[in-house]
Amino acid sequence: MQFSCDGYGIKNIIPGGFIPFNDDIYSYLPHVRALADKKAYRYDVYGRFGLEFAQDIRRKACSILASQDDFHWEGSLQLKRYCLSLSEVAQSRICIDLPGNGDFCFRLIDYMAVGTCVIAVRHHTQLHVPLVDGMQIIYVRDDLSNLIDLCKFYLEQDEAREAVCRNARAHFDKYLHREQLAAYYLDASLKLAQ
């Protein structure tokens, strides 16, 4: 599930996609999507991160976002209960994704499931159906030097931001929902067995 963009040169090692943090998301989705669809935003830019993994970049991003006064940053280096976090995601114009134990973090899939505009550090791993910068996700420079500028741009460009939201949710539904992933795994296994 952390499939290198460079590949492995071995036919039977294929991208595994990625999964949400918790299976409970499927019971929460109708509520949090309805909340997101109201577009009654409480937060401009959102992100909550633990410090178990990727401490340096998480501290740096949160520091950059907390020290600006161009928009409302709702985030911290402390996590909240899962259902509360999803509710906050649904009420945010932009959500920040940062690496976890690997380039992909469960948070990214949760954001996409809700259908939010994600600004992320570029992944060096890929999903089985890769994300496209500017379509389902917005990539920031590795040094985060354009993080504030990207946030400001997508906060001002409602149409562009909402397109990313729609595309992210559609990508989740078509390729990352547990039923879609199960079908992909079965199909890939059968093809590799032939």
N, C-alpha and C. Protein backbone atom coordinates (compact mmCIF):
# COMPACT_ATOMS: atom_id res chain seq x y z
N MET A 1 0.81 -1.21 0.00
CA MET A 1 0.00 0.00 0.00
C MET A 1 0.84 1.26 0.00
N GLN A 2 2.13 1.13 0.03
CA GLN A 2 3.05 2.27 -0.13
C GLN A 2 3.90 1.95 -1.36
N PHE A 3 3.24 1.79 -2.50
CA PHE A 3 3.88 1.36 -3.73
C PHE A 3 4.72 2.49 -4.31
N SER A 4 6.01 2.24 -4.48
CA SER A 4 6.93 3.27 -4.98
C SER A 4 6.55 3.70 -6.40
N CYS A 5 6.61 5.01 -6.64
CA CYS A 5 6.36 5.53 -7.99
C CYS A 5 7.37 4.97 -8.99
N ASP A 6 8.53 4.56 -8.53
CA ASP A 6 9.55 3.99 -9.41
C ASP A 6 9.28 2.53 -9.74
N GLY A 7 8.32 1.92 -9.06
CA GLY A 7 8.02 0.51 -9.29
C GLY A 7 9.10 -0.39 -8.71
N TYR A 8 8.98 -1.68 -9.00
CA TYR A 8 9.90 -2.67 -8.44
C TYR A 8 10.47 -3.60 -9.50
N GLY A 9 9.97 -3.50 -10.73
CA GLY A 9 10.47 -4.33 -11.79
C GLY A 9 10.08 -5.80 -11.66
N ILE A 10 9.12 -6.08 -10.82
CA ILE A 10 8.65 -7.46 -10.63
C ILE A 10 7.15 -7.48 -10.91
N LYS A 11 6.73 -8.34 -11.80
CA LYS A 11 5.34 -8.36 -12.29
C LYS A 11 4.30 -8.54 -11.20
N ASN A 12 4.62 -9.35 -10.18
CA ASN A 12 3.59 -9.63 -9.18
C ASN A 12 3.61 -8.68 -7.98
N ILE A 13 4.38 -7.59 -8.06
CA ILE A 13 4.30 -6.53 -7.06
C ILE A 13 3.56 -5.37 -7.70
N ILE A 14 2.34 -5.15 -7.23
CA ILE A 14 1.48 -4.14 -7.84
C ILE A 14 1.00 -3.15 -6.77
N PRO A 15 0.55 -1.97 -7.19
CA PRO A 15 0.02 -1.00 -6.21
C PRO A 15 -1.20 -1.58 -5.48
N GLY A 16 -1.24 -1.35 -4.18
CA GLY A 16 -2.32 -1.90 -3.37
C GLY A 16 -3.39 -0.91 -3.00
N GLY A 17 -3.33 0.30 -3.55
CA GLY A 17 -4.29 1.32 -3.13
C GLY A 17 -3.98 1.74 -1.70
N PHE A 18 -5.00 2.21 -0.99
CA PHE A 18 -4.84 2.56 0.42
C PHE A 18 -6.23 2.58 1.04
N ILE A 19 -6.29 2.48 2.35
CA ILE A 19 -7.57 2.35 3.03
C ILE A 19 -7.78 3.50 4.02
N PRO A 20 -9.03 3.73 4.43
CA PRO A 20 -9.30 4.74 5.46
C PRO A 20 -8.74 4.30 6.81
N PHE A 21 -8.74 5.21 7.76
CA PHE A 21 -8.23 4.93 9.10
C PHE A 21 -9.03 3.83 9.79
N ASN A 22 -10.35 3.86 9.62
CA ASN A 22 -11.22 2.99 10.38
C ASN A 22 -12.41 2.60 9.53
N ASP A 23 -12.85 1.35 9.65
CA ASP A 23 -14.02 0.88 8.90
C ASP A 23 -15.29 1.63 9.29
N ASP A 24 -15.29 2.26 10.46
CA ASP A 24 -16.46 3.04 10.89
C ASP A 24 -16.79 4.17 9.92
N ILE A 25 -15.82 4.55 9.10
CA ILE A 25 -16.07 5.66 8.17
C ILE A 25 -17.29 5.39 7.31
N TYR A 26 -17.54 4.13 6.98
CA TYR A 26 -18.66 3.81 6.09
C TYR A 26 -20.01 4.09 6.75
N SER A 27 -20.09 3.98 8.06
CA SER A 27 -21.34 4.36 8.73
C SER A 27 -21.43 5.87 8.95
N TYR A 28 -20.27 6.55 9.03
CA TYR A 28 -20.25 8.00 9.21
C TYR A 28 -20.44 8.77 7.90
N LEU A 29 -20.09 8.15 6.77
CA LEU A 29 -20.06 8.89 5.51
C LEU A 29 -21.36 9.60 5.14
N PRO A 30 -22.52 8.97 5.26
CA PRO A 30 -23.74 9.72 4.89
C PRO A 30 -23.88 11.03 5.66
N HIS A 31 -23.58 10.99 6.94
CA HIS A 31 -23.70 12.20 7.77
C HIS A 31 -22.64 13.24 7.40
N VAL A 32 -21.37 12.82 7.33
CA VAL A 32 -20.32 13.81 7.09
C VAL A 32 -20.37 14.35 5.66
N ARG A 33 -20.80 13.52 4.72
CA ARG A 33 -20.95 14.04 3.35
C ARG A 33 -22.10 15.04 3.28
N ALA A 34 -23.20 14.76 3.97
CA ALA A 34 -24.31 15.71 3.99
C ALA A 34 -23.85 17.03 4.62
N LEU A 35 -23.05 16.94 5.66
CA LEU A 35 -22.50 18.14 6.29
C LEU A 35 -21.59 18.88 5.33
N ALA A 36 -20.72 18.17 4.63
CA ALA A 36 -19.82 18.80 3.65
C ALA A 36 -20.60 19.45 2.52
N ASP A 37 -21.66 18.79 2.09
CA ASP A 37 -22.45 19.31 0.95
C ASP A 37 -23.20 20.59 1.29
N LYS A 38 -23.39 20.88 2.56
CA LYS A 38 -24.03 22.14 2.96
C LYS A 38 -23.11 23.33 2.70
N LYS A 39 -21.81 23.08 2.65
CA LYS A 39 -20.81 24.12 2.42
C LYS A 39 -20.93 25.25 3.45
N ALA A 40 -21.32 24.87 4.65
CA ALA A 40 -21.39 25.82 5.77
C ALA A 40 -20.07 25.70 6.53
N TYR A 41 -19.02 26.23 5.93
CA TYR A 41 -17.67 26.03 6.43
C TYR A 41 -17.42 26.78 7.74
N ARG A 42 -16.80 26.09 8.68
CA ARG A 42 -16.35 26.71 9.93
C ARG A 42 -14.87 27.03 9.87
N TYR A 43 -14.14 26.29 9.03
CA TYR A 43 -12.69 26.42 8.99
C TYR A 43 -12.21 26.66 7.56
N ASP A 44 -11.22 27.51 7.42
CA ASP A 44 -10.61 27.70 6.10
C ASP A 44 -9.67 26.54 5.78
N VAL A 45 -8.70 26.33 6.65
CA VAL A 45 -7.68 25.29 6.43
C VAL A 45 -7.58 24.45 7.70
N TYR A 46 -7.54 23.14 7.51
CA TYR A 46 -7.65 22.21 8.64
C TYR A 46 -6.60 21.10 8.56
N GLY A 47 -6.14 20.66 9.71
CA GLY A 47 -5.29 19.48 9.80
C GLY A 47 -4.91 19.19 11.23
N ARG A 48 -5.10 17.96 11.65
CA ARG A 48 -4.68 17.53 12.98
C ARG A 48 -3.75 16.34 12.81
N PHE A 49 -2.62 16.38 13.49
CA PHE A 49 -1.60 15.37 13.28
C PHE A 49 -1.00 14.92 14.60
N GLY A 50 -0.77 13.63 14.70
CA GLY A 50 -0.03 13.09 15.83
C GLY A 50 1.46 13.24 15.55
N LEU A 51 2.25 12.97 16.56
CA LEU A 51 3.70 13.10 16.41
C LEU A 51 4.42 11.75 16.46
N GLU A 52 3.66 10.68 16.27
CA GLU A 52 4.29 9.36 16.27
C GLU A 52 5.18 9.17 15.04
N PHE A 53 4.79 9.80 13.92
CA PHE A 53 5.54 9.67 12.68
C PHE A 53 5.77 11.06 12.06
N ALA A 54 6.78 11.17 11.22
CA ALA A 54 7.04 12.37 10.41
C ALA A 54 6.98 13.66 11.24
N GLN A 55 7.61 13.65 12.37
CA GLN A 55 7.54 14.78 13.30
C GLN A 55 8.03 16.09 12.70
N ASP A 56 9.14 16.04 11.99
CA ASP A 56 9.73 17.28 11.49
C ASP A 56 8.80 18.02 10.53
N ILE A 57 8.29 17.32 9.54
CA ILE A 57 7.44 18.01 8.54
C ILE A 57 6.09 18.39 9.15
N ARG A 58 5.59 17.58 10.06
CA ARG A 58 4.33 17.92 10.71
C ARG A 58 4.48 19.17 11.58
N ARG A 59 5.57 19.23 12.33
CA ARG A 59 5.82 20.43 13.16
C ARG A 59 6.00 21.66 12.27
N LYS A 60 6.77 21.50 11.19
CA LYS A 60 7.03 22.63 10.30
C LYS A 60 5.74 23.15 9.67
N ALA A 61 4.93 22.25 9.13
CA ALA A 61 3.68 22.68 8.48
C ALA A 61 2.75 23.37 9.47
N CYS A 62 2.58 22.80 10.64
CA CYS A 62 1.70 23.41 11.64
C CYS A 62 2.23 24.76 12.09
N SER A 63 3.54 24.89 12.20
CA SER A 63 4.14 26.16 12.58
C SER A 63 3.90 27.23 11.50
N ILE A 64 4.11 26.85 10.25
CA ILE A 64 3.87 27.79 9.14
C ILE A 64 2.42 28.25 9.14
N LEU A 65 1.50 27.31 9.28
CA LEU A 65 0.08 27.64 9.22
C LEU A 65 -0.37 28.45 10.43
N ALA A 66 0.17 28.15 11.59
CA ALA A 66 -0.23 28.87 12.81
C ALA A 66 0.34 30.28 12.87
N SER A 67 1.44 30.52 12.15
CA SER A 67 2.09 31.84 12.25
C SER A 67 1.60 32.84 11.21
N GLN A 68 0.66 32.46 10.36
CA GLN A 68 0.14 33.39 9.36
C GLN A 68 -1.20 33.95 9.84
N ASP A 69 -1.63 35.05 9.24
CA ASP A 69 -2.93 35.62 9.61
C ASP A 69 -3.77 35.96 8.38
N ASP A 70 -3.53 35.24 7.27
CA ASP A 70 -4.30 35.45 6.05
C ASP A 70 -5.62 34.68 6.04
N PHE A 71 -5.70 33.61 6.83
CA PHE A 71 -6.90 32.78 6.86
C PHE A 71 -6.95 32.06 8.21
N HIS A 72 -8.11 31.44 8.47
CA HIS A 72 -8.30 30.73 9.73
C HIS A 72 -7.76 29.31 9.60
N TRP A 73 -6.72 29.02 10.38
CA TRP A 73 -6.13 27.69 10.45
C TRP A 73 -6.71 26.97 11.68
N GLU A 74 -7.31 25.84 11.45
CA GLU A 74 -7.82 25.01 12.55
C GLU A 74 -7.04 23.72 12.54
N GLY A 75 -6.09 23.61 13.44
CA GLY A 75 -5.28 22.42 13.47
C GLY A 75 -4.34 22.41 14.64
N SER A 76 -3.67 21.27 14.78
CA SER A 76 -2.75 21.11 15.89
C SER A 76 -1.96 19.83 15.72
N LEU A 77 -1.09 19.61 16.67
CA LEU A 77 -0.32 18.37 16.72
C LEU A 77 -0.93 17.43 17.76
N GLN A 78 -2.24 17.51 17.88
CA GLN A 78 -3.00 16.61 18.76
C GLN A 78 -4.20 16.10 17.98
N LEU A 79 -4.49 14.84 18.16
CA LEU A 79 -5.60 14.21 17.45
C LEU A 79 -6.89 14.33 18.24
N LYS A 80 -8.00 14.19 17.53
CA LYS A 80 -9.32 14.15 18.15
C LYS A 80 -9.95 12.80 17.86
N ARG A 81 -11.03 12.53 18.55
CA ARG A 81 -11.78 11.29 18.30
C ARG A 81 -12.18 11.24 16.82
N TYR A 82 -12.20 10.06 16.24
CA TYR A 82 -12.37 9.88 14.80
C TYR A 82 -13.63 10.55 14.25
N CYS A 83 -14.76 10.33 14.88
CA CYS A 83 -16.01 10.91 14.34
C CYS A 83 -15.97 12.44 14.42
N LEU A 84 -15.36 13.00 15.46
CA LEU A 84 -15.24 14.46 15.56
C LEU A 84 -14.30 15.00 14.49
N SER A 85 -13.23 14.28 14.23
CA SER A 85 -12.28 14.69 13.20
C SER A 85 -12.96 14.72 11.83
N LEU A 86 -13.73 13.69 11.52
CA LEU A 86 -14.43 13.66 10.23
C LEU A 86 -15.42 14.81 10.10
N SER A 87 -16.07 15.15 11.20
CA SER A 87 -17.00 16.27 11.19
C SER A 87 -16.27 17.58 10.92
N GLU A 88 -15.10 17.75 11.50
CA GLU A 88 -14.30 18.94 11.25
C GLU A 88 -13.82 18.99 9.80
N VAL A 89 -13.42 17.85 9.27
CA VAL A 89 -13.01 17.76 7.86
C VAL A 89 -14.15 18.24 6.96
N ALA A 90 -15.36 17.79 7.25
CA ALA A 90 -16.52 18.13 6.43
C ALA A 90 -16.85 19.62 6.47
N GLN A 91 -16.36 20.31 7.50
CA GLN A 91 -16.64 21.74 7.65
C GLN A 91 -15.44 22.60 7.29
N SER A 92 -14.51 22.02 6.52
CA SER A 92 -13.28 22.73 6.16
C SER A 92 -13.18 22.92 4.66
N ARG A 93 -12.77 24.11 4.26
CA ARG A 93 -12.59 24.38 2.83
C ARG A 93 -11.40 23.60 2.27
N ILE A 94 -10.32 23.55 3.03
CA ILE A 94 -9.09 22.88 2.61
C ILE A 94 -8.58 22.03 3.76
N CYS A 95 -8.10 20.84 3.44
CA CYS A 95 -7.49 19.97 4.44
C CYS A 95 -6.05 19.68 4.04
N ILE A 96 -5.17 19.70 5.01
CA ILE A 96 -3.75 19.47 4.80
C ILE A 96 -3.42 18.00 5.07
N ASP A 97 -2.73 17.39 4.12
CA ASP A 97 -2.28 16.01 4.27
C ASP A 97 -0.76 15.99 4.35
N LEU A 98 -0.23 15.32 5.35
CA LEU A 98 1.21 15.19 5.53
C LEU A 98 1.55 13.71 5.69
N PRO A 99 2.79 13.34 5.41
CA PRO A 99 3.16 11.93 5.54
C PRO A 99 2.93 11.40 6.94
N GLY A 100 2.76 10.09 7.02
CA GLY A 100 2.66 9.40 8.30
C GLY A 100 3.84 8.47 8.43
N ASN A 101 3.56 7.19 8.67
CA ASN A 101 4.62 6.19 8.74
C ASN A 101 5.23 5.97 7.35
N GLY A 102 4.46 6.30 6.32
CA GLY A 102 4.92 6.29 4.93
C GLY A 102 4.37 7.53 4.26
N ASP A 103 4.59 7.64 2.96
CA ASP A 103 4.08 8.82 2.25
C ASP A 103 2.56 8.92 2.35
N PHE A 104 1.87 7.79 2.17
CA PHE A 104 0.43 7.81 2.33
C PHE A 104 0.08 7.67 3.80
N CYS A 105 -0.95 8.39 4.17
CA CYS A 105 -1.46 8.35 5.53
C CYS A 105 -2.97 8.10 5.42
N PHE A 106 -3.54 7.42 6.40
CA PHE A 106 -4.98 7.15 6.39
C PHE A 106 -5.78 8.43 6.21
N ARG A 107 -5.25 9.53 6.74
CA ARG A 107 -5.93 10.82 6.71
C ARG A 107 -6.31 11.21 5.27
N LEU A 108 -5.41 10.95 4.32
CA LEU A 108 -5.67 11.30 2.92
C LEU A 108 -6.93 10.62 2.43
N ILE A 109 -7.07 9.34 2.70
CA ILE A 109 -8.23 8.58 2.22
C ILE A 109 -9.49 9.06 2.92
N ASP A 110 -9.39 9.38 4.21
CA ASP A 110 -10.55 9.93 4.92
C ASP A 110 -10.99 11.25 4.29
N TYR A 111 -10.02 12.12 4.00
CA TYR A 111 -10.35 13.40 3.35
C TYR A 111 -11.06 13.19 2.03
N MET A 112 -10.53 12.27 1.23
CA MET A 112 -11.12 12.02 -0.08
C MET A 112 -12.51 11.43 0.04
N ALA A 113 -12.71 10.56 1.01
CA ALA A 113 -14.02 9.95 1.22
C ALA A 113 -15.07 11.01 1.54
N VAL A 114 -14.71 11.97 2.36
CA VAL A 114 -15.63 13.06 2.69
C VAL A 114 -15.84 13.95 1.47
N GLY A 115 -14.77 14.17 0.72
CA GLY A 115 -14.84 15.02 -0.47
C GLY A 115 -14.38 16.42 -0.17
N THR A 116 -13.12 16.56 0.16
CA THR A 116 -12.57 17.87 0.48
C THR A 116 -11.38 18.17 -0.41
N CYS A 117 -11.01 19.43 -0.45
CA CYS A 117 -9.85 19.86 -1.22
C CYS A 117 -8.61 19.59 -0.38
N VAL A 118 -7.74 18.72 -0.87
CA VAL A 118 -6.56 18.30 -0.13
C VAL A 118 -5.31 18.96 -0.71
N ILE A 119 -4.56 19.61 0.16
CA ILE A 119 -3.22 20.09 -0.19
C ILE A 119 -2.25 19.20 0.55
N ALA A 120 -1.31 18.60 -0.20
CA ALA A 120 -0.44 17.58 0.37
C ALA A 120 1.00 17.73 -0.10
N VAL A 121 1.89 17.20 0.69
CA VAL A 121 3.27 17.03 0.25
C VAL A 121 3.26 15.93 -0.81
N ARG A 122 4.00 16.13 -1.89
CA ARG A 122 4.00 15.17 -3.00
C ARG A 122 4.39 13.78 -2.50
N HIS A 123 3.59 12.82 -2.93
CA HIS A 123 3.84 11.43 -2.56
C HIS A 123 4.88 10.82 -3.48
N HIS A 124 5.74 10.00 -2.92
CA HIS A 124 6.70 9.23 -3.72
C HIS A 124 6.19 7.80 -3.89
N THR A 125 4.96 7.63 -3.48
CA THR A 125 4.25 6.36 -3.65
C THR A 125 3.02 6.65 -4.49
N GLN A 126 2.40 5.59 -5.01
CA GLN A 126 1.23 5.80 -5.86
C GLN A 126 0.12 4.81 -5.53
N LEU A 127 -1.08 5.26 -5.76
CA LEU A 127 -2.24 4.38 -5.65
C LEU A 127 -2.33 3.54 -6.92
N HIS A 128 -3.20 2.55 -6.91
CA HIS A 128 -3.37 1.72 -8.11
C HIS A 128 -3.97 2.53 -9.27
N VAL A 129 -4.70 3.57 -8.95
CA VAL A 129 -5.13 4.57 -9.93
C VAL A 129 -4.58 5.89 -9.40
N PRO A 130 -3.46 6.37 -9.97
CA PRO A 130 -2.75 7.51 -9.39
C PRO A 130 -3.59 8.79 -9.31
N LEU A 131 -3.29 9.58 -8.30
CA LEU A 131 -3.90 10.90 -8.14
C LEU A 131 -3.21 11.87 -9.10
N VAL A 132 -3.98 12.83 -9.60
CA VAL A 132 -3.45 13.82 -10.54
C VAL A 132 -3.44 15.18 -9.86
N ASP A 133 -2.27 15.80 -9.83
CA ASP A 133 -2.12 17.12 -9.23
C ASP A 133 -3.05 18.11 -9.94
N GLY A 134 -3.84 18.81 -9.15
CA GLY A 134 -4.78 19.78 -9.70
C GLY A 134 -6.14 19.18 -10.01
N MET A 135 -6.25 17.86 -9.94
CA MET A 135 -7.54 17.20 -10.20
C MET A 135 -8.16 16.68 -8.89
N GLN A 136 -7.50 15.69 -8.27
CA GLN A 136 -8.02 15.12 -7.02
C GLN A 136 -7.25 15.60 -5.80
N ILE A 137 -6.15 16.29 -6.04
CA ILE A 137 -5.25 16.70 -4.96
C ILE A 137 -4.42 17.88 -5.44
N ILE A 138 -3.91 18.67 -4.51
CA ILE A 138 -3.00 19.77 -4.83
C ILE A 138 -1.70 19.49 -4.11
N TYR A 139 -0.60 19.46 -4.87
CA TYR A 139 0.69 19.18 -4.24
C TYR A 139 1.46 20.47 -3.96
N VAL A 140 1.99 20.53 -2.75
CA VAL A 140 2.82 21.63 -2.30
C VAL A 140 4.29 21.24 -2.53
N ARG A 141 5.16 22.22 -2.60
CA ARG A 141 6.60 21.92 -2.72
C ARG A 141 7.07 21.14 -1.49
N ASP A 142 8.08 20.32 -1.69
CA ASP A 142 8.60 19.50 -0.59
C ASP A 142 9.05 20.32 0.60
N ASP A 143 9.54 21.54 0.36
CA ASP A 143 10.00 22.39 1.46
C ASP A 143 8.87 23.25 2.06
N LEU A 144 7.65 23.06 1.55
CA LEU A 144 6.46 23.77 2.02
C LEU A 144 6.49 25.27 1.74
N SER A 145 7.40 25.71 0.89
CA SER A 145 7.58 27.15 0.65
C SER A 145 6.36 27.81 0.01
N ASN A 146 5.51 27.05 -0.66
CA ASN A 146 4.31 27.64 -1.27
C ASN A 146 3.02 27.20 -0.58
N LEU A 147 3.13 26.67 0.63
CA LEU A 147 1.94 26.19 1.34
C LEU A 147 0.92 27.30 1.56
N ILE A 148 1.35 28.42 2.07
CA ILE A 148 0.42 29.53 2.34
C ILE A 148 -0.17 30.05 1.04
N ASP A 149 0.67 30.21 0.01
CA ASP A 149 0.18 30.71 -1.28
C ASP A 149 -0.87 29.79 -1.89
N LEU A 150 -0.65 28.47 -1.81
CA LEU A 150 -1.63 27.53 -2.34
C LEU A 150 -2.93 27.59 -1.55
N CYS A 151 -2.82 27.66 -0.24
CA CYS A 151 -4.03 27.77 0.58
C CYS A 151 -4.81 29.03 0.21
N LYS A 152 -4.12 30.16 0.11
CA LYS A 152 -4.80 31.41 -0.24
C LYS A 152 -5.46 31.31 -1.61
N PHE A 153 -4.74 30.76 -2.58
CA PHE A 153 -5.28 30.64 -3.94
C PHE A 153 -6.57 29.82 -3.93
N TYR A 154 -6.54 28.65 -3.31
CA TYR A 154 -7.73 27.78 -3.35
C TYR A 154 -8.85 28.27 -2.43
N LEU A 155 -8.52 29.09 -1.45
CA LEU A 155 -9.58 29.71 -0.66
C LEU A 155 -10.31 30.78 -1.48
N GLU A 156 -9.57 31.45 -2.35
CA GLU A 156 -10.17 32.51 -3.18
C GLU A 156 -10.86 31.96 -4.43
N GLN A 157 -10.44 30.81 -4.91
CA GLN A 157 -10.97 30.23 -6.15
C GLN A 157 -11.97 29.13 -5.82
N ASP A 158 -13.19 29.54 -5.51
CA ASP A 158 -14.21 28.59 -5.09
C ASP A 158 -14.46 27.49 -6.13
N GLU A 159 -14.55 27.87 -7.38
CA GLU A 159 -14.86 26.88 -8.42
C GLU A 159 -13.75 25.84 -8.55
N ALA A 160 -12.51 26.28 -8.55
CA ALA A 160 -11.37 25.35 -8.65
C ALA A 160 -11.32 24.44 -7.42
N ARG A 161 -11.53 25.02 -6.26
CA ARG A 161 -11.50 24.24 -5.01
C ARG A 161 -12.61 23.20 -5.00
N GLU A 162 -13.81 23.60 -5.35
CA GLU A 162 -14.93 22.67 -5.33
C GLU A 162 -14.78 21.57 -6.37
N ALA A 163 -14.11 21.86 -7.48
CA ALA A 163 -13.85 20.81 -8.48
C ALA A 163 -12.92 19.75 -7.88
N VAL A 164 -11.91 20.17 -7.14
CA VAL A 164 -11.01 19.22 -6.50
C VAL A 164 -11.80 18.38 -5.48
N CYS A 165 -12.69 19.00 -4.74
CA CYS A 165 -13.53 18.27 -3.78
C CYS A 165 -14.34 17.18 -4.48
N ARG A 166 -15.02 17.56 -5.54
CA ARG A 166 -15.84 16.58 -6.29
C ARG A 166 -14.99 15.46 -6.85
N ASN A 167 -13.85 15.81 -7.42
CA ASN A 167 -12.98 14.81 -8.03
C ASN A 167 -12.40 13.85 -6.98
N ALA A 168 -12.06 14.39 -5.82
CA ALA A 168 -11.51 13.54 -4.75
C ALA A 168 -12.55 12.53 -4.29
N ARG A 169 -13.77 13.00 -4.06
CA ARG A 169 -14.83 12.09 -3.61
C ARG A 169 -15.13 11.05 -4.69
N ALA A 170 -15.19 11.47 -5.93
CA ALA A 170 -15.46 10.53 -7.02
C ALA A 170 -14.35 9.49 -7.14
N HIS A 171 -13.10 9.91 -6.93
CA HIS A 171 -11.97 8.98 -6.99
C HIS A 171 -12.10 7.94 -5.87
N PHE A 172 -12.45 8.40 -4.68
CA PHE A 172 -12.66 7.47 -3.57
C PHE A 172 -13.75 6.47 -3.92
N ASP A 173 -14.90 6.96 -4.37
CA ASP A 173 -16.03 6.08 -4.65
C ASP A 173 -15.71 5.07 -5.76
N LYS A 174 -14.98 5.50 -6.75
CA LYS A 174 -14.71 4.64 -7.91
C LYS A 174 -13.56 3.67 -7.68
N TYR A 175 -12.57 4.07 -6.85
CA TYR A 175 -11.37 3.24 -6.74
C TYR A 175 -10.96 2.85 -5.33
N LEU A 176 -11.38 3.59 -4.30
CA LEU A 176 -10.84 3.37 -2.96
C LEU A 176 -11.87 2.89 -1.94
N HIS A 177 -13.14 2.92 -2.29
CA HIS A 177 -14.17 2.36 -1.42
C HIS A 177 -13.84 0.88 -1.20
N ARG A 178 -14.17 0.36 -0.04
CA ARG A 178 -13.77 -1.03 0.27
C ARG A 178 -14.29 -2.03 -0.75
N GLU A 179 -15.47 -1.81 -1.30
CA GLU A 179 -15.99 -2.73 -2.32
C GLU A 179 -15.18 -2.65 -3.61
N GLN A 180 -14.76 -1.43 -3.96
CA GLN A 180 -13.95 -1.26 -5.16
C GLN A 180 -12.56 -1.87 -4.98
N LEU A 181 -11.98 -1.66 -3.80
CA LEU A 181 -10.67 -2.24 -3.53
C LEU A 181 -10.73 -3.77 -3.54
N ALA A 182 -11.79 -4.32 -2.95
CA ALA A 182 -11.93 -5.78 -2.93
C ALA A 182 -12.02 -6.32 -4.36
N ALA A 183 -12.80 -5.66 -5.20
CA ALA A 183 -12.92 -6.08 -6.59
C ALA A 183 -11.58 -5.98 -7.32
N TYR A 184 -10.84 -4.90 -7.05
CA TYR A 184 -9.52 -4.72 -7.66
C TYR A 184 -8.57 -5.83 -7.22
N TYR A 185 -8.56 -6.16 -5.92
CA TYR A 185 -7.66 -7.20 -5.42
C TYR A 185 -8.00 -8.56 -6.05
N LEU A 186 -9.29 -8.88 -6.13
CA LEU A 186 -9.67 -10.16 -6.74
C LEU A 186 -9.28 -10.20 -8.21
N ASP A 187 -9.57 -9.13 -8.93
CA ASP A 187 -9.24 -9.08 -10.35
C ASP A 187 -7.73 -9.18 -10.55
N ALA A 188 -6.97 -8.43 -9.78
CA ALA A 188 -5.50 -8.46 -9.92
C ALA A 188 -4.95 -9.83 -9.58
N SER A 189 -5.49 -10.47 -8.54
CA SER A 189 -5.03 -11.81 -8.16
C SER A 189 -5.30 -12.83 -9.27
N LEU A 190 -6.48 -12.74 -9.85
CA LEU A 190 -6.82 -13.67 -10.93
C LEU A 190 -5.93 -13.45 -12.15
N LYS A 191 -5.65 -12.21 -12.47
CA LYS A 191 -4.79 -11.92 -13.61
C LYS A 191 -3.36 -12.41 -13.36
N LEU A 192 -2.87 -12.22 -12.13
CA LEU A 192 -1.51 -12.67 -11.82
C LEU A 192 -1.40 -14.19 -11.78
N ALA A 193 -2.51 -14.86 -11.45
CA ALA A 193 -2.50 -16.32 -11.37
C ALA A 193 -2.51 -16.97 -12.75
N GLN A 194 -2.89 -16.22 -13.78
CA GLN A 194 -2.96 -16.79 -15.13
C GLN A 194 -1.61 -16.96 -15.77
